Amino acid sequence: MDVNMPGSVTQVLPIEDTSQIGHARRTAQKLAEEHGFDATDAGRVALVATELASNILKHAARGELHLRILPRASGAGIEILAVDRAKGFDLQACLTDGFSTGGTQGIGLGAVSRQSEVFDVYADSRGTVLLTRLYPRSDKTPDRRVGISQHSLHNDPACGDVWHLAFDGAHISALVIDGLGHGEEAERAARAGEKTFALSPFASPMLLLEDIHQAMIGTRGGALAIAQFDGDHVKFVGIGNIGACLIAPDKSRGLASHPGIVGGQYRKAQPFDYAQVNGHLLIMYSDGLQTRWNLQDYPGLVHRHPAVIAAILHRDFCRGRDDVTVLVIALEAVHG
């Protein structure tokens, strides 16, 4: 197995006044240093965090930075997303070095893009999501085209949702569990299932489902979805209300789940097989996200990085009354 990515909550830094720019810089730099970045690479992370936070204040007045660790085969990367709800801005102008919407000299998003191994942005009248991913310069492994946005209700330290991703060459196995309710007991239920999944993520979906069910007996239980991609097909099994869909540029289709509670009671489930999905997006989400969204309402978004898509779906469709997880995977051949 190339990489095992255990679930974690998105770290959110509000950006509403200039005093928070320094905090964002220090937080991002410390995160990089704690995960193996040398002084030069951690300095790049600090520079990017500073410019993104400054850019939010300049053109949007307020917004957020979302930070995430990206586990790699060796070491880790840092993801920083700038998220706002302001009216659109002139992206081409902002990519020019020295351009500043605030009338001050900035390094420009063009410089930010050169400091980052991955740079992508989506801007329209609803606001802007800008993605940067930074890896140590010595790490030449290609970026994994996946995106995760996970947030607990009211920023509770405990999150009843969990996700887990495993990669083995072109093969991907993905898990989302939503423990019943929210808080510590919901998290305990979901983590019990994730721990079992992580032991053998590429076992057959039905075997995984049964093992996870056994592991979650005695907990609150929860909803679950498992999706496995082998380079051309997706095998999917779901119990409860984890939403899932496959999206191509010209169409989308929902993936069928069965009623019930994992760790409680459910009818005998069966996996569904979806063929010829290479090049599609797989999106899995807990019921903290509204179901009435359509990527076609965002022209061109389907072609953006999955991390941008996940952040926009969370920004615009979070219900605000439960933990929420959005997992977006570009189904394509990958090389570890």
C-alpha atoms as a PDB file:
ATOM      1  CA  MET A   1       0.000   0.000   0.000  1.00  0.00           C
ATOM      2  CA  ASP A   2       1.472   3.360  -1.041  1.00  0.00           C
ATOM      3  CA  VAL A   3      -0.282   5.733   1.338  1.00  0.00           C
ATOM      4  CA  ASN A   4      -2.785   5.456   4.183  1.00  0.00           C
ATOM      5  CA  MET A   5      -4.482   8.798   4.929  1.00  0.00           C
ATOM      6  CA  PRO A   6      -6.281   8.791   8.281  1.00  0.00           C
ATOM      7  CA  GLY A   7      -9.126  11.224   8.710  1.00  0.00           C
ATOM      8  CA  SER A   8      -8.671  14.612  10.336  1.00  0.00           C
ATOM      9  CA  VAL A   9     -10.732  17.773  10.744  1.00  0.00           C
ATOM     10  CA  THR A  10      -9.908  20.838   8.651  1.00  0.00           C
ATOM     11  CA  GLN A  11      -8.096  23.501  10.694  1.00  0.00           C
ATOM     12  CA  VAL A  12      -9.882  26.821  10.189  1.00  0.00           C
ATOM     13  CA  LEU A  13      -8.254  30.207  10.787  1.00  0.00           C
ATOM     14  CA  PRO A  14     -10.656  33.188  10.633  1.00  0.00           C
ATOM     15  CA  ILE A  15      -9.201  36.184   8.790  1.00  0.00           C
ATOM     16  CA  GLU A  16     -11.110  39.317   9.798  1.00  0.00           C
ATOM     17  CA  ASP A  17      -8.451  41.834  10.862  1.00  0.00           C
ATOM     18  CA  THR A  18      -4.747  42.453  10.319  1.00  0.00           C
ATOM     19  CA  SER A  19      -3.729  40.959  13.663  1.00  0.00           C
ATOM     20  CA  GLN A  20      -4.781  37.530  12.382  1.00  0.00           C
ATOM     21  CA  ILE A  21      -2.302  37.605   9.487  1.00  0.00           C
ATOM     22  CA  GLY A  22       0.654  37.063  11.818  1.00  0.00           C
ATOM     23  CA  HIS A  23      -1.177  34.278  13.638  1.00  0.00           C
ATOM     24  CA  ALA A  24      -1.889  32.546  10.331  1.00  0.00           C
ATOM     25  CA  ARG A  25       1.766  32.831   9.299  1.00  0.00           C
ATOM     26  CA  ARG A  26       3.043  31.394  12.583  1.00  0.00           C
ATOM     27  CA  THR A  27       0.455  28.595  12.636  1.00  0.00           C
ATOM     28  CA  ALA A  28       1.226  27.470   9.085  1.00  0.00           C
ATOM     29  CA  GLN A  29       4.997  27.662   9.588  1.00  0.00           C
ATOM     30  CA  LYS A  30       4.840  25.672  12.818  1.00  0.00           C
ATOM     31  CA  LEU A  31       2.683  23.017  11.144  1.00  0.00           C
ATOM     32  CA  ALA A  32       5.248  22.675   8.373  1.00  0.00           C
ATOM     33  CA  GLU A  33       8.160  22.431  10.786  1.00  0.00           C
ATOM     34  CA  GLU A  34       6.357  19.774  12.830  1.00  0.00           C
ATOM     35  CA  HIS A  35       5.923  17.651   9.694  1.00  0.00           C
ATOM     36  CA  GLY A  36       9.475  17.589   8.409  1.00  0.00           C
ATOM     37  CA  PHE A  37       9.800  20.797   6.374  1.00  0.00           C
ATOM     38  CA  ASP A  38      13.283  22.338   6.609  1.00  0.00           C
ATOM     39  CA  ALA A  39      13.741  26.061   7.300  1.00  0.00           C
ATOM     40  CA  THR A  40      13.611  27.039   3.625  1.00  0.00           C
ATOM     41  CA  ASP A  41      10.479  25.033   2.819  1.00  0.00           C
ATOM     42  CA  ALA A  42       8.748  26.111   6.036  1.00  0.00           C
ATOM     43  CA  GLY A  43       9.563  29.686   5.055  1.00  0.00           C
ATOM     44  CA  ARG A  44       7.723  29.157   1.758  1.00  0.00           C
ATOM     45  CA  VAL A  45       4.686  27.950   3.701  1.00  0.00           C
ATOM     46  CA  ALA A  46       4.837  31.024   5.955  1.00  0.00           C
ATOM     47  CA  LEU A  47       5.124  33.349   2.945  1.00  0.00           C
ATOM     48  CA  VAL A  48       2.137  31.780   1.199  1.00  0.00           C
ATOM     49  CA  ALA A  49      -0.026  31.877   4.341  1.00  0.00           C
ATOM     50  CA  THR A  50       0.841  35.553   4.849  1.00  0.00           C
ATOM     51  CA  GLU A  51      -0.041  36.534   1.296  1.00  0.00           C
ATOM     52  CA  LEU A  52      -3.283  34.541   1.236  1.00  0.00           C
ATOM     53  CA  ALA A  53      -4.447  36.022   4.535  1.00  0.00           C
ATOM     54  CA  SER A  54      -3.515  39.510   3.345  1.00  0.00           C
ATOM     55  CA  ASN A  55      -5.313  38.928   0.059  1.00  0.00           C
ATOM     56  CA  ILE A  56      -8.521  37.959   1.880  1.00  0.00           C
ATOM     57  CA  LEU A  57      -8.530  41.221   3.829  1.00  0.00           C
ATOM     58  CA  LYS A  58      -7.681  43.296   0.755  1.00  0.00           C
ATOM     59  CA  HIS A  59     -10.352  42.057  -1.641  1.00  0.00           C
ATOM     60  CA  ALA A  60     -12.959  40.399   0.606  1.00  0.00           C
ATOM     61  CA  ALA A  61     -12.623  42.131   4.021  1.00  0.00           C
ATOM     62  CA  ARG A  62     -13.113  38.785   5.747  1.00  0.00           C
ATOM     63  CA  GLY A  63     -12.774  35.050   5.118  1.00  0.00           C
ATOM     64  CA  GLU A  64     -10.901  31.982   6.297  1.00  0.00           C
ATOM     65  CA  LEU A  65      -7.741  30.004   5.755  1.00  0.00           C
ATOM     66  CA  HIS A  66      -8.219  26.221   5.813  1.00  0.00           C
ATOM     67  CA  LEU A  67      -5.138  24.174   6.702  1.00  0.00           C
ATOM     68  CA  ARG A  68      -4.595  20.460   6.234  1.00  0.00           C
ATOM     69  CA  ILE A  69      -1.702  17.999   6.500  1.00  0.00           C
ATOM     70  CA  LEU A  70      -1.308  15.768   3.437  1.00  0.00           C
ATOM     71  CA  PRO A  71       0.357  12.452   4.375  1.00  0.00           C
ATOM     72  CA  ARG A  72       2.776  11.131   1.734  1.00  0.00           C
ATOM     73  CA  ALA A  73       4.652   7.884   1.201  1.00  0.00           C
ATOM     74  CA  SER A  74       7.490   9.633   3.056  1.00  0.00           C
ATOM     75  CA  GLY A  75       6.841  12.868   4.910  1.00  0.00           C
ATOM     76  CA  ALA A  76       3.899  15.166   4.349  1.00  0.00           C
ATOM     77  CA  GLY A  77       2.648  18.207   2.514  1.00  0.00           C
ATOM     78  CA  ILE A  78       0.723  21.278   3.641  1.00  0.00           C
ATOM     79  CA  GLU A  79      -2.535  22.433   2.067  1.00  0.00           C
ATOM     80  CA  ILE A  80      -3.712  26.025   2.518  1.00  0.00           C
ATOM     81  CA  LEU A  81      -7.054  27.167   1.121  1.00  0.00           C
ATOM     82  CA  ALA A  82      -8.242  30.772   1.150  1.00  0.00           C
ATOM     83  CA  VAL A  83     -12.058  30.898   1.283  1.00  0.00           C
ATOM     84  CA  ASP A  84     -14.304  33.956   1.095  1.00  0.00           C
ATOM     85  CA  ARG A  85     -17.818  35.020   0.109  1.00  0.00           C
ATOM     86  CA  ALA A  86     -16.952  38.322  -1.538  1.00  0.00           C
ATOM     87  CA  LYS A  87     -17.944  39.344  -5.033  1.00  0.00           C
ATOM     88  CA  GLY A  88     -15.551  38.125  -7.686  1.00  0.00           C
ATOM     89  CA  PHE A  89     -12.136  39.715  -8.217  1.00  0.00           C
ATOM     90  CA  ASP A  90      -9.835  40.178 -11.206  1.00  0.00           C
ATOM     91  CA  LEU A  91      -7.849  36.942 -11.089  1.00  0.00           C
ATOM     92  CA  GLN A  92      -5.496  37.810 -13.943  1.00  0.00           C
ATOM     93  CA  ALA A  93      -4.596  41.117 -12.318  1.00  0.00           C
ATOM     94  CA  CYS A  94      -4.028  39.477  -8.941  1.00  0.00           C
ATOM     95  CA  LEU A  95      -1.674  36.954 -10.549  1.00  0.00           C
ATOM     96  CA  THR A  96       0.582  39.840 -11.589  1.00  0.00           C
ATOM     97  CA  ASP A  97       3.552  40.332  -9.263  1.00  0.00           C
ATOM     98  CA  GLY A  98       3.205  43.494  -7.195  1.00  0.00           C
ATOM     99  CA  PHE A  99      -0.536  43.839  -7.804  1.00  0.00           C
ATOM    100  CA  SER A 100      -2.564  44.657  -4.709  1.00  0.00           C
ATOM    101  CA  THR A 101      -6.286  45.363  -4.541  1.00  0.00           C
ATOM    102  CA  GLY A 102      -5.605  47.241  -1.306  1.00  0.00           C
ATOM    103  CA  GLY A 103      -3.340  49.804  -2.948  1.00  0.00           C
ATOM    104  CA  THR A 104      -0.195  48.502  -1.219  1.00  0.00           C
ATOM    105  CA  GLN A 105       2.760  46.637  -2.656  1.00  0.00           C
ATOM    106  CA  GLY A 106       2.076  42.868  -2.489  1.00  0.00           C
ATOM    107  CA  ILE A 107       4.113  39.937  -3.742  1.00  0.00           C
ATOM    108  CA  GLY A 108       1.136  38.972  -5.912  1.00  0.00           C
ATOM    109  CA  LEU A 109      -0.616  35.657  -6.332  1.00  0.00           C
ATOM    110  CA  GLY A 110       1.707  34.951  -9.254  1.00  0.00           C
ATOM    111  CA  ALA A 111       4.560  34.685  -6.790  1.00  0.00           C
ATOM    112  CA  VAL A 112       2.400  32.534  -4.513  1.00  0.00           C
ATOM    113  CA  SER A 113       1.726  30.163  -7.407  1.00  0.00           C
ATOM    114  CA  ARG A 114       5.468  29.813  -8.045  1.00  0.00           C
ATOM    115  CA  GLN A 115       6.120  29.026  -4.389  1.00  0.00           C
ATOM    116  CA  SER A 116       3.473  26.284  -4.432  1.00  0.00           C
ATOM    117  CA  GLU A 117       3.626  22.829  -5.988  1.00  0.00           C
ATOM    118  CA  VAL A 118      -0.142  22.979  -6.569  1.00  0.00           C
ATOM    119  CA  PHE A 119      -2.060  26.201  -7.235  1.00  0.00           C
ATOM    120  CA  ASP A 120      -5.697  26.469  -8.322  1.00  0.00           C
ATOM    121  CA  VAL A 121      -8.522  28.964  -7.898  1.00  0.00           C
ATOM    122  CA  TYR A 122     -12.220  29.333  -8.581  1.00  0.00           C
ATOM    123  CA  ALA A 123     -13.853  32.750  -8.407  1.00  0.00           C
ATOM    124  CA  ASP A 124     -17.371  33.903  -9.259  1.00  0.00           C
ATOM    125  CA  SER A 125     -20.054  36.178  -7.842  1.00  0.00           C
ATOM    126  CA  ARG A 126     -20.430  33.906  -4.802  1.00  0.00           C
ATOM    127  CA  GLY A 127     -16.815  34.354  -3.729  1.00  0.00           C
ATOM    128  CA  THR A 128     -13.400  32.808  -4.190  1.00  0.00           C
ATOM    129  CA  VAL A 129     -11.646  29.602  -3.175  1.00  0.00           C
ATOM    130  CA  LEU A 130      -7.896  29.578  -3.761  1.00  0.00           C
ATOM    131  CA  LEU A 131      -5.847  26.416  -3.246  1.00  0.00           C
ATOM    132  CA  THR A 132      -2.138  26.026  -2.569  1.00  0.00           C
ATOM    133  CA  ARG A 133      -0.314  22.822  -1.730  1.00  0.00           C
ATOM    134  CA  LEU A 134       3.313  22.858  -0.707  1.00  0.00           C
ATOM    135  CA  TYR A 135       5.658  19.889  -0.439  1.00  0.00           C
ATOM    136  CA  PRO A 136       9.329  19.787   0.527  1.00  0.00           C
ATOM    137  CA  ARG A 137      11.402  20.535  -2.580  1.00  0.00           C
ATOM    138  CA  SER A 138      13.018  17.105  -2.196  1.00  0.00           C
ATOM    139  CA  ASP A 139       9.621  15.369  -2.539  1.00  0.00           C
ATOM    140  CA  LYS A 140       9.026  14.663  -6.237  1.00  0.00           C
ATOM    141  CA  THR A 141       5.957  12.426  -5.759  1.00  0.00           C
ATOM    142  CA  PRO A 142       2.977  13.647  -7.829  1.00  0.00           C
ATOM    143  CA  ASP A 143       0.110  15.373  -6.059  1.00  0.00           C
ATOM    144  CA  ARG A 144      -2.880  13.211  -5.159  1.00  0.00           C
ATOM    145  CA  ARG A 145      -5.970  14.714  -6.757  1.00  0.00           C
ATOM    146  CA  VAL A 146      -8.255  14.386  -3.761  1.00  0.00           C
ATOM    147  CA  GLY A 147      -9.931  17.009  -1.627  1.00  0.00           C
ATOM    148  CA  ILE A 148     -11.336  16.837   1.897  1.00  0.00           C
ATOM    149  CA  SER A 149     -13.322  19.409   3.834  1.00  0.00           C
ATOM    150  CA  GLN A 150     -14.370  18.268   7.313  1.00  0.00           C
ATOM    151  CA  HIS A 151     -15.758  20.445  10.091  1.00  0.00           C
ATOM    152  CA  SER A 152     -17.291  19.621  13.458  1.00  0.00           C
ATOM    153  CA  LEU A 153     -20.490  21.262  14.675  1.00  0.00           C
ATOM    154  CA  HIS A 154     -19.698  24.572  16.418  1.00  0.00           C
ATOM    155  CA  ASN A 155     -15.968  23.735  16.204  1.00  0.00           C
ATOM    156  CA  ASP A 156     -16.392  21.006  18.832  1.00  0.00           C
ATOM    157  CA  PRO A 157     -13.065  19.228  19.503  1.00  0.00           C
ATOM    158  CA  ALA A 158     -14.882  15.940  18.849  1.00  0.00           C
ATOM    159  CA  CYS A 159     -16.205  15.192  15.353  1.00  0.00           C
ATOM    160  CA  GLY A 160     -18.702  12.395  14.764  1.00  0.00           C
ATOM    161  CA  ASP A 161     -17.726  12.127  11.091  1.00  0.00           C
ATOM    162  CA  VAL A 162     -14.597  10.292   9.989  1.00  0.00           C
ATOM    163  CA  TRP A 163     -13.034   9.649   6.605  1.00  0.00           C
ATOM    164  CA  HIS A 164     -10.123   7.488   5.530  1.00  0.00           C
ATOM    165  CA  LEU A 165      -8.284   7.102   2.221  1.00  0.00           C
ATOM    166  CA  ALA A 166      -5.877   4.403   1.092  1.00  0.00           C
ATOM    167  CA  PHE A 167      -3.878   4.309  -2.154  1.00  0.00           C
ATOM    168  CA  ASP A 168      -2.189   1.365  -3.826  1.00  0.00           C
ATOM    169  CA  GLY A 169      -0.905   2.388  -7.237  1.00  0.00           C
ATOM    170  CA  ALA A 170      -3.966   3.306  -9.304  1.00  0.00           C
ATOM    171  CA  HIS A 171      -6.267   1.684  -6.738  1.00  0.00           C
ATOM    172  CA  ILE A 172      -8.115   3.835  -4.204  1.00  0.00           C
ATOM    173  CA  SER A 173     -10.241   2.836  -1.237  1.00  0.00           C
ATOM    174  CA  ALA A 174     -12.334   5.491   0.503  1.00  0.00           C
ATOM    175  CA  LEU A 175     -14.408   5.420   3.684  1.00  0.00           C
ATOM    176  CA  VAL A 176     -16.847   7.912   5.198  1.00  0.00           C
ATOM    177  CA  ILE A 177     -18.654   7.191   8.488  1.00  0.00           C
ATOM    178  CA  ASP A 178     -21.127   9.465  10.262  1.00  0.00           C
ATOM    179  CA  GLY A 179     -21.541   8.408  13.887  1.00  0.00           C
ATOM    180  CA  LEU A 180     -25.102   8.941  15.121  1.00  0.00           C
ATOM    181  CA  GLY A 181     -25.508  12.424  16.558  1.00  0.00           C
ATOM    182  CA  HIS A 182     -22.372  14.418  17.238  1.00  0.00           C
ATOM    183  CA  GLY A 183     -19.800  14.899  19.982  1.00  0.00           C
ATOM    184  CA  GLU A 184     -17.565  12.406  21.767  1.00  0.00           C
ATOM    185  CA  GLU A 185     -19.828   9.346  21.585  1.00  0.00           C
ATOM    186  CA  ALA A 186     -20.459   9.835  17.880  1.00  0.00           C
ATOM    187  CA  GLU A 187     -16.713  10.191  17.327  1.00  0.00           C
ATOM    188  CA  ARG A 188     -16.003   7.044  19.338  1.00  0.00           C
ATOM    189  CA  ALA A 189     -18.402   5.053  17.155  1.00  0.00           C
ATOM    190  CA  ALA A 190     -16.971   6.386  13.910  1.00  0.00           C
ATOM    191  CA  ARG A 191     -13.341   5.922  14.985  1.00  0.00           C
ATOM    192  CA  ALA A 192     -14.030   2.294  15.877  1.00  0.00           C
ATOM    193  CA  GLY A 193     -15.140   1.719  12.305  1.00  0.00           C
ATOM    194  CA  GLU A 194     -12.225   3.652  10.801  1.00  0.00           C
ATOM    195  CA  LYS A 195      -9.685   1.675  12.838  1.00  0.00           C
ATOM    196  CA  THR A 196     -11.039  -1.579  11.423  1.00  0.00           C
ATOM    197  CA  PHE A 197     -11.124  -0.226   7.859  1.00  0.00           C
ATOM    198  CA  ALA A 198      -7.487   0.878   8.080  1.00  0.00           C
ATOM    199  CA  LEU A 199      -6.323  -2.687   8.803  1.00  0.00           C
ATOM    200  CA  SER A 200      -7.275  -3.943   5.326  1.00  0.00           C
ATOM    201  CA  PRO A 201      -8.797  -1.136   3.214  1.00  0.00           C
ATOM    202  CA  PHE A 202      -8.607  -3.160  -0.013  1.00  0.00           C
ATOM    203  CA  ALA A 203     -10.503  -6.184   1.275  1.00  0.00           C
ATOM    204  CA  SER A 204     -13.853  -6.759  -0.430  1.00  0.00           C
ATOM    205  CA  PRO A 205     -16.436  -4.112   0.490  1.00  0.00           C
ATOM    206  CA  MET A 206     -18.787  -6.698   2.000  1.00  0.00           C
ATOM    207  CA  LEU A 207     -16.074  -8.149   4.241  1.00  0.00           C
ATOM    208  CA  LEU A 208     -15.103  -4.641   5.312  1.00  0.00           C
ATOM    209  CA  LEU A 209     -18.717  -3.768   6.037  1.00  0.00           C
ATOM    210  CA  GLU A 210     -19.201  -6.830   8.227  1.00  0.00           C
ATOM    211  CA  ASP A 211     -15.933  -6.272  10.121  1.00  0.00           C
ATOM    212  CA  ILE A 212     -16.769  -2.608  10.690  1.00  0.00           C
ATOM    213  CA  HIS A 213     -20.278  -3.536  11.821  1.00  0.00           C
ATOM    214  CA  GLN A 214     -18.836  -5.903  14.425  1.00  0.00           C
ATOM    215  CA  ALA A 215     -16.355  -3.253  15.584  1.00  0.00           C
ATOM    216  CA  MET A 216     -19.133  -0.675  16.039  1.00  0.00           C
ATOM    217  CA  ILE A 217     -21.491  -2.912  18.027  1.00  0.00           C
ATOM    218  CA  GLY A 218     -21.803  -1.412  21.494  1.00  0.00           C
ATOM    219  CA  THR A 219     -21.360   2.117  20.189  1.00  0.00           C
ATOM    220  CA  ARG A 220     -24.008   4.495  18.870  1.00  0.00           C
ATOM    221  CA  GLY A 221     -23.419   3.093  15.418  1.00  0.00           C
ATOM    222  CA  GLY A 222     -23.660   5.197  12.302  1.00  0.00           C
ATOM    223  CA  ALA A 223     -24.015   5.582   8.559  1.00  0.00           C
ATOM    224  CA  LEU A 224     -21.242   4.322   6.296  1.00  0.00           C
ATOM    225  CA  ALA A 225     -20.070   4.367   2.701  1.00  0.00           C
ATOM    226  CA  ILE A 226     -17.121   2.530   1.148  1.00  0.00           C
ATOM    227  CA  ALA A 227     -15.950   3.122  -2.423  1.00  0.00           C
ATOM    228  CA  GLN A 228     -13.106   1.254  -4.138  1.00  0.00           C
ATOM    229  CA  PHE A 229     -11.657   2.313  -7.491  1.00  0.00           C
ATOM    230  CA  ASP A 230      -9.520  -0.114  -9.515  1.00  0.00           C
ATOM    231  CA  GLY A 231      -8.606   2.075 -12.486  1.00  0.00           C
ATOM    232  CA  ASP A 232     -11.877   1.682 -14.393  1.00  0.00           C
ATOM    233  CA  HIS A 233     -14.613   0.485 -12.011  1.00  0.00           C
ATOM    234  CA  VAL A 234     -15.969   1.705  -8.689  1.00  0.00           C
ATOM    235  CA  LYS A 235     -17.390  -0.777  -6.205  1.00  0.00           C
ATOM    236  CA  PHE A 236     -19.646   0.955  -3.718  1.00  0.00           C
ATOM    237  CA  VAL A 237     -21.551  -0.131  -0.639  1.00  0.00           C
ATOM    238  CA  GLY A 238     -23.485   2.227   1.617  1.00  0.00           C
ATOM    239  CA  ILE A 239     -25.623   1.921   4.736  1.00  0.00           C
ATOM    240  CA  GLY A 240     -27.584   4.958   5.849  1.00  0.00           C
ATOM    241  CA  ASN A 241     -27.471   8.518   4.598  1.00  0.00           C
ATOM    242  CA  ILE A 242     -23.939   9.071   3.346  1.00  0.00           C
ATOM    243  CA  GLY A 243     -24.457  10.739  -0.017  1.00  0.00           C
ATOM    244  CA  ALA A 244     -22.329   9.711  -2.989  1.00  0.00           C
ATOM    245  CA  CYS A 245     -22.263  10.479  -6.690  1.00  0.00           C
ATOM    246  CA  LEU A 246     -20.143  10.078  -9.804  1.00  0.00           C
ATOM    247  CA  ILE A 247     -19.765  13.223 -11.873  1.00  0.00           C
ATOM    248  CA  ALA A 248     -18.534  13.617 -15.441  1.00  0.00           C
ATOM    249  CA  PRO A 249     -18.411  16.972 -17.253  1.00  0.00           C
ATOM    250  CA  ASP A 250     -21.727  16.206 -18.971  1.00  0.00           C
ATOM    251  CA  LYS A 251     -23.626  14.062 -16.462  1.00  0.00           C
ATOM    252  CA  SER A 252     -23.875  12.846 -12.887  1.00  0.00           C
ATOM    253  CA  ARG A 253     -25.398   9.824 -11.175  1.00  0.00           C
ATOM    254  CA  GLY A 254     -26.116   9.044  -7.563  1.00  0.00           C
ATOM    255  CA  LEU A 255     -24.786   5.907  -5.877  1.00  0.00           C
ATOM    256  CA  ALA A 256     -27.335   3.711  -4.130  1.00  0.00           C
ATOM    257  CA  SER A 257     -27.208   3.053  -0.372  1.00  0.00           C
ATOM    258  CA  HIS A 258     -29.266   0.728   1.827  1.00  0.00           C
ATOM    259  CA  PRO A 259     -31.239   1.718   4.933  1.00  0.00           C
ATOM    260  CA  GLY A 260     -29.959   0.824   8.372  1.00  0.00           C
ATOM    261  CA  ILE A 261     -27.333   1.566  11.026  1.00  0.00           C
ATOM    262  CA  VAL A 262     -23.870   0.025  11.031  1.00  0.00           C
ATOM    263  CA  GLY A 263     -23.237  -1.285  14.534  1.00  0.00           C
ATOM    264  CA  GLY A 264     -27.025  -1.525  14.968  1.00  0.00           C
ATOM    265  CA  GLN A 265     -29.317  -3.142  12.416  1.00  0.00           C
ATOM    266  CA  TYR A 266     -29.370  -3.182   8.634  1.00  0.00           C
ATOM    267  CA  ARG A 267     -30.658  -5.550   5.998  1.00  0.00           C
ATOM    268  CA  LYS A 268     -28.196  -7.586   4.034  1.00  0.00           C
ATOM    269  CA  ALA A 269     -26.449  -5.043   1.869  1.00  0.00           C
ATOM    270  CA  GLN A 270     -25.003  -5.569  -1.560  1.00  0.00           C
ATOM    271  CA  PRO A 271     -22.220  -3.726  -3.365  1.00  0.00           C
ATOM    272  CA  PHE A 272     -22.905  -1.916  -6.618  1.00  0.00           C
ATOM    273  CA  ASP A 273     -20.424  -1.836  -9.489  1.00  0.00           C
ATOM    274  CA  TYR A 274     -20.054   1.234 -11.707  1.00  0.00           C
ATOM    275  CA  ALA A 275     -18.006   0.753 -14.880  1.00  0.00           C
ATOM    276  CA  GLN A 276     -16.047   3.109 -17.126  1.00  0.00           C
ATOM    277  CA  VAL A 277     -15.595   5.796 -14.497  1.00  0.00           C
ATOM    278  CA  ASN A 278     -11.989   6.735 -15.234  1.00  0.00           C
ATOM    279  CA  GLY A 279     -11.937  10.533 -15.545  1.00  0.00           C
ATOM    280  CA  HIS A 280     -15.000  10.994 -13.312  1.00  0.00           C
ATOM    281  CA  LEU A 281     -15.224  12.709  -9.947  1.00  0.00           C
ATOM    282  CA  LEU A 282     -16.359  10.658  -6.950  1.00  0.00           C
ATOM    283  CA  ILE A 283     -17.979  12.802  -4.275  1.00  0.00           C
ATOM    284  CA  MET A 284     -18.962  11.363  -0.875  1.00  0.00           C
ATOM    285  CA  TYR A 285     -20.534  13.486   1.859  1.00  0.00           C
ATOM    286  CA  SER A 286     -22.223  13.207   5.231  1.00  0.00           C
ATOM    287  CA  ASP A 287     -25.693  14.587   5.915  1.00  0.00           C
ATOM    288  CA  GLY A 288     -24.192  17.758   7.335  1.00  0.00           C
ATOM    289  CA  LEU A 289     -24.159  18.827   3.675  1.00  0.00           C
ATOM    290  CA  GLN A 290     -27.346  19.710   1.828  1.00  0.00           C
ATOM    291  CA  THR A 291     -28.265  17.358  -0.998  1.00  0.00           C
ATOM    292  CA  ARG A 292     -29.640  19.906  -3.464  1.00  0.00           C
ATOM    293  CA  TRP A 293     -26.456  21.092  -5.126  1.00  0.00           C
ATOM    294  CA  ASN A 294     -25.340  20.801  -8.724  1.00  0.00           C
ATOM    295  CA  LEU A 295     -21.810  21.426  -9.968  1.00  0.00           C
ATOM    296  CA  GLN A 296     -23.328  22.570 -13.274  1.00  0.00           C
ATOM    297  CA  ASP A 297     -24.393  25.730 -11.410  1.00  0.00           C
ATOM    298  CA  TYR A 298     -20.669  26.568 -11.160  1.00  0.00           C
ATOM    299  CA  PRO A 299     -19.340  26.842 -14.741  1.00  0.00           C
ATOM    300  CA  GLY A 300     -15.990  25.112 -15.078  1.00  0.00           C
ATOM    301  CA  LEU A 301     -15.831  23.937 -11.462  1.00  0.00           C
ATOM    302  CA  VAL A 302     -15.888  20.251 -12.449  1.00  0.00           C
ATOM    303  CA  HIS A 303     -12.432  20.802 -14.005  1.00  0.00           C
ATOM    304  CA  ARG A 304     -10.888  22.389 -10.922  1.00  0.00           C
ATOM    305  CA  HIS A 305      -8.814  20.571  -8.286  1.00  0.00           C
ATOM    306  CA  PRO A 306     -10.920  18.317  -6.005  1.00  0.00           C
ATOM    307  CA  ALA A 307      -9.799  20.315  -2.948  1.00  0.00           C
ATOM    308  CA  VAL A 308     -11.336  23.464  -4.481  1.00  0.00           C
ATOM    309  CA  ILE A 309     -14.580  21.598  -5.206  1.00  0.00           C
ATOM    310  CA  ALA A 310     -14.789  20.225  -1.649  1.00  0.00           C
ATOM    311  CA  ALA A 311     -14.244  23.683  -0.133  1.00  0.00           C
ATOM    312  CA  ILE A 312     -16.891  25.311  -2.324  1.00  0.00           C
ATOM    313  CA  LEU A 313     -19.488  22.637  -1.554  1.00  0.00           C
ATOM    314  CA  HIS A 314     -18.821  23.066   2.159  1.00  0.00           C
ATOM    315  CA  ARG A 315     -18.905  26.864   1.942  1.00  0.00           C
ATOM    316  CA  ASP A 316     -22.207  27.042   0.057  1.00  0.00           C
ATOM    317  CA  PHE A 317     -24.139  23.974   1.260  1.00  0.00           C
ATOM    318  CA  CYS A 318     -23.197  23.226   4.877  1.00  0.00           C
ATOM    319  CA  ARG A 319     -26.411  22.826   6.881  1.00  0.00           C
ATOM    320  CA  GLY A 320     -24.824  24.283  10.016  1.00  0.00           C
ATOM    321  CA  ARG A 321     -26.518  21.865  12.412  1.00  0.00           C
ATOM    322  CA  ASP A 322     -24.272  18.795  12.292  1.00  0.00           C
ATOM    323  CA  ASP A 323     -20.720  17.703  11.622  1.00  0.00           C
ATOM    324  CA  VAL A 324     -19.982  17.794   7.895  1.00  0.00           C
ATOM    325  CA  THR A 325     -17.587  15.915   5.633  1.00  0.00           C
ATOM    326  CA  VAL A 326     -17.057  16.385   1.903  1.00  0.00           C
ATOM    327  CA  LEU A 327     -14.650  14.026   0.116  1.00  0.00           C
ATOM    328  CA  VAL A 328     -13.873  14.594  -3.574  1.00  0.00           C
ATOM    329  CA  ILE A 329     -11.682  12.188  -5.551  1.00  0.00           C
ATOM    330  CA  ALA A 330     -10.567  12.486  -9.169  1.00  0.00           C
ATOM    331  CA  LEU A 331     -10.759   8.938 -10.491  1.00  0.00           C
ATOM    332  CA  GLU A 332      -7.700   8.599 -12.670  1.00  0.00           C
ATOM    333  CA  ALA A 333      -4.567   6.518 -12.934  1.00  0.00           C
ATOM    334  CA  VAL A 334      -2.062   7.695 -10.311  1.00  0.00           C
ATOM    335  CA  HIS A 335       1.552   6.790  -9.862  1.00  0.00           C
ATOM    336  CA  GLY A 336       3.000   6.656  -6.372  1.00  0.00           C
END
